[in-house]
Amino acid sequence: MCGIAGIVEAEKPVSFQLVQSMCGALAHRGPDDAGTWFSPDRRVGLGHRRLAIIDLSPLGHQPMSSDDGQITIVFNGEIYNFQEVRAELQARGNSFRSASDTEVVIAAYRTWGPACLDRLVGMFALAIWDDSKRRLFVTRDRAGEKPLFYLHKNGRFAFASELKAILVDPNIPRSINREALDDYLAYGYVSGSLCIFDGFAKLPPGHWLTYEPDLDRLQISRYWDLPIRAADTARSDLQELTSDLEFLMTQSVRCQLIADVPIGIMLSGGLDSSLVAAAAVRSSGRAVRTFNVAFPGYPSFDESRHARRVADYLGSNHTELVAEPGSGEFLPSLIRQYDEPIADNSVLPTYLVSRAIRKECAVALGGDGGDELFGGYIHHPWLLKIAQLRKFGLHRLGLEALAAKSIPLGIQGRNAIMGLLSRNEPHTALTRLLDPIARSRLTGRPMSAAPELRRAGLETVCGGIDAICAAEFRSYLPDDILVKVDRASMLTSLEVRAPLLDHRIVEFAFGRLPGRFKVQDARRKIILRALAQRWLPPDFDSHRKQGFSIPLHEWFQGPWRPLVDDLIATGSPLFERRFLARLLSRLRSTERGSRRLFQLMMIEMWRREYRASVPE
């Protein structure tokens, strides 16, 4: 894992100092090595911070150039099948001077151009300067495990793994994007290509872009998308499909256990991470390291006993970390690390477990992706019911306004009910936090969900479980879950891999697996539970859904109470003060309001940390 950054200028030389400062802002992503490269005309500058995982020798130093100097790359991520691609390229006459996957990517690009991405299995964000074409090629992996921000303005194209690297330029304004703010208030994250600051963007997963400075021209293309399942799956057999998934998972974990440094596993005790741990033991044939976060005194949030049970059954070398709330003094560093505001409170345990693993290992495997691929969220059966009820025209009854007034904020299911009733905005059913009416009252201006999520939501609520999972794979997974994991782990210089997001497993889940083997009635993750019967203890409770969560309500009533008191007392220029104070007081009084309380606290702490200006 690494950090990458760069600038391409259309009309003037690149600043050496600026590229070096961008690299410095990414030092946590790559503490082992640093490098910069500038084109002879100084119109292109690339920077890299290295976390050495494959080929620890100086031969893996980046930026890396081809022998003739025509191709120069900065690469963040891992190519798990690089040895296979390397052998194919050697058969074509290519030779290699290192054992790194980066050199393989250079040769693959020279041989096949952008089509080389079809051959790569892995997680990555990379940039290649092709001097023969006078063109920068930038791309991101299929699921969006590795981040890529960019800014194209006034004849300059700047990019980086993290937003803070581009923001080292003091001349760049920090004005909040209103649409992105609306997105955050609705969903708890900033979705798609949107960025919290005006003028910036994120390259979507499964896309590549090219920038030609001589023309100051930027073009973006999609190279991968979710497959559409064939219609002839009605007679598919669950046990046969479970065997197929068993093979794919074993193959994926085996590939992702390849590293020249020690590897651990994030074990929450839930279904997904337990299956990854089991696959690791089966693939390696030896004991593996597993890690968990415990919350003593909060039994409803403490999954440590379940993780210990799985670890004992698998024979892993298990480490348990005790989480303490403190006074919230760690929140500013986490907020600074996340670039954009994020309302996922599991950022804390993810950071704590990453920090614990990093003391022993440089790489960890996690269970992310299982819920989005195989229908694991508690709301999935609800959304299926909504889809069925909408077919009977219940939304035409015009009760959404009455529901908005009569169902208080904080009541579980409010958004789902309003999405069911709404004539025009069924996507409200996907809104995890504040609905449009609440957001308008809070900000004092009309607010509605971003067009990208509106389209995804409409497709979802009117479709089946595949449409629901596809919407979450395209938005919630890359823009919340994977952001959370990447930034928290990279803050500790730990590389986290997600075997379930191997694109061959993704294509199996969406291209071959019938929806009835994901969710049926109240049952979720049906095929993963079938696999658990083969791999996990007979008494394993596969129906629990906890993951890395924290006791928010208890902490807000205790050590974090001053944080909320400060927000009530000082307010925020983002929100109407009187409505904010009433809302905060109401939310802090109930356990169900804790997530929204955390959301509002995080956006204001983020605004202060980043000195962001309020949109007009």
Foldseek 3Di string as FASTA:
>chain_A
DKKKKKKAFLPDADDPVLQVLLRVVQCLQAVLDKDKDADPRRRIIMIMHHDAWWFSDCVPDPQDADPVRQKTKYKDWAFLCLVVLVVVLVVVPDDDDTRGSVVSVVSLCVVPNPCSLVVTWIFIWMWMQRNVVQKIKTAGAALQLFWKKWAQPDRMIIMISAPVSVPVPVVDAFAFDPQQVLQCQQAQFRWDQDDRGPRMGIQFHQKMWMARSNVRDIDIDGRDAADAADPPQPPPDLVVLLVVVLVLLLVLLLSVCDTPWAEAAEQALALQSLVSLLSNCVNPVDAHEYEYEAEPPDVVQGSVVSSVQSCVVSVHNYDYHYDDPALCPCVLVLLVLLNAGGLAQLLVVLLVRLLVVLVHIQEYEYRPDLCLLQPQDQCQLVLQVLLVVVVVVQLVVPCLVVLVVPPDFLDPCSQCVSLSNHPQQVLSNVRPHDAQVRVCQWQVHGHHHDPVSSVLSVQRSNDHSLSVSSSCSRIVRNGHVSSSNVSSNSSNSHHYHHSCVRVVNSNCSNHRDDNVCADDNSDGNNSSVVSCCVRGDPPRDNNDDRGSDDQQLVCCVPSHVVLLVVCLVPPANRTDNVSVNVLLVVLSVDSSSRSSNSSVSRNRSSCVSVVRDYHD
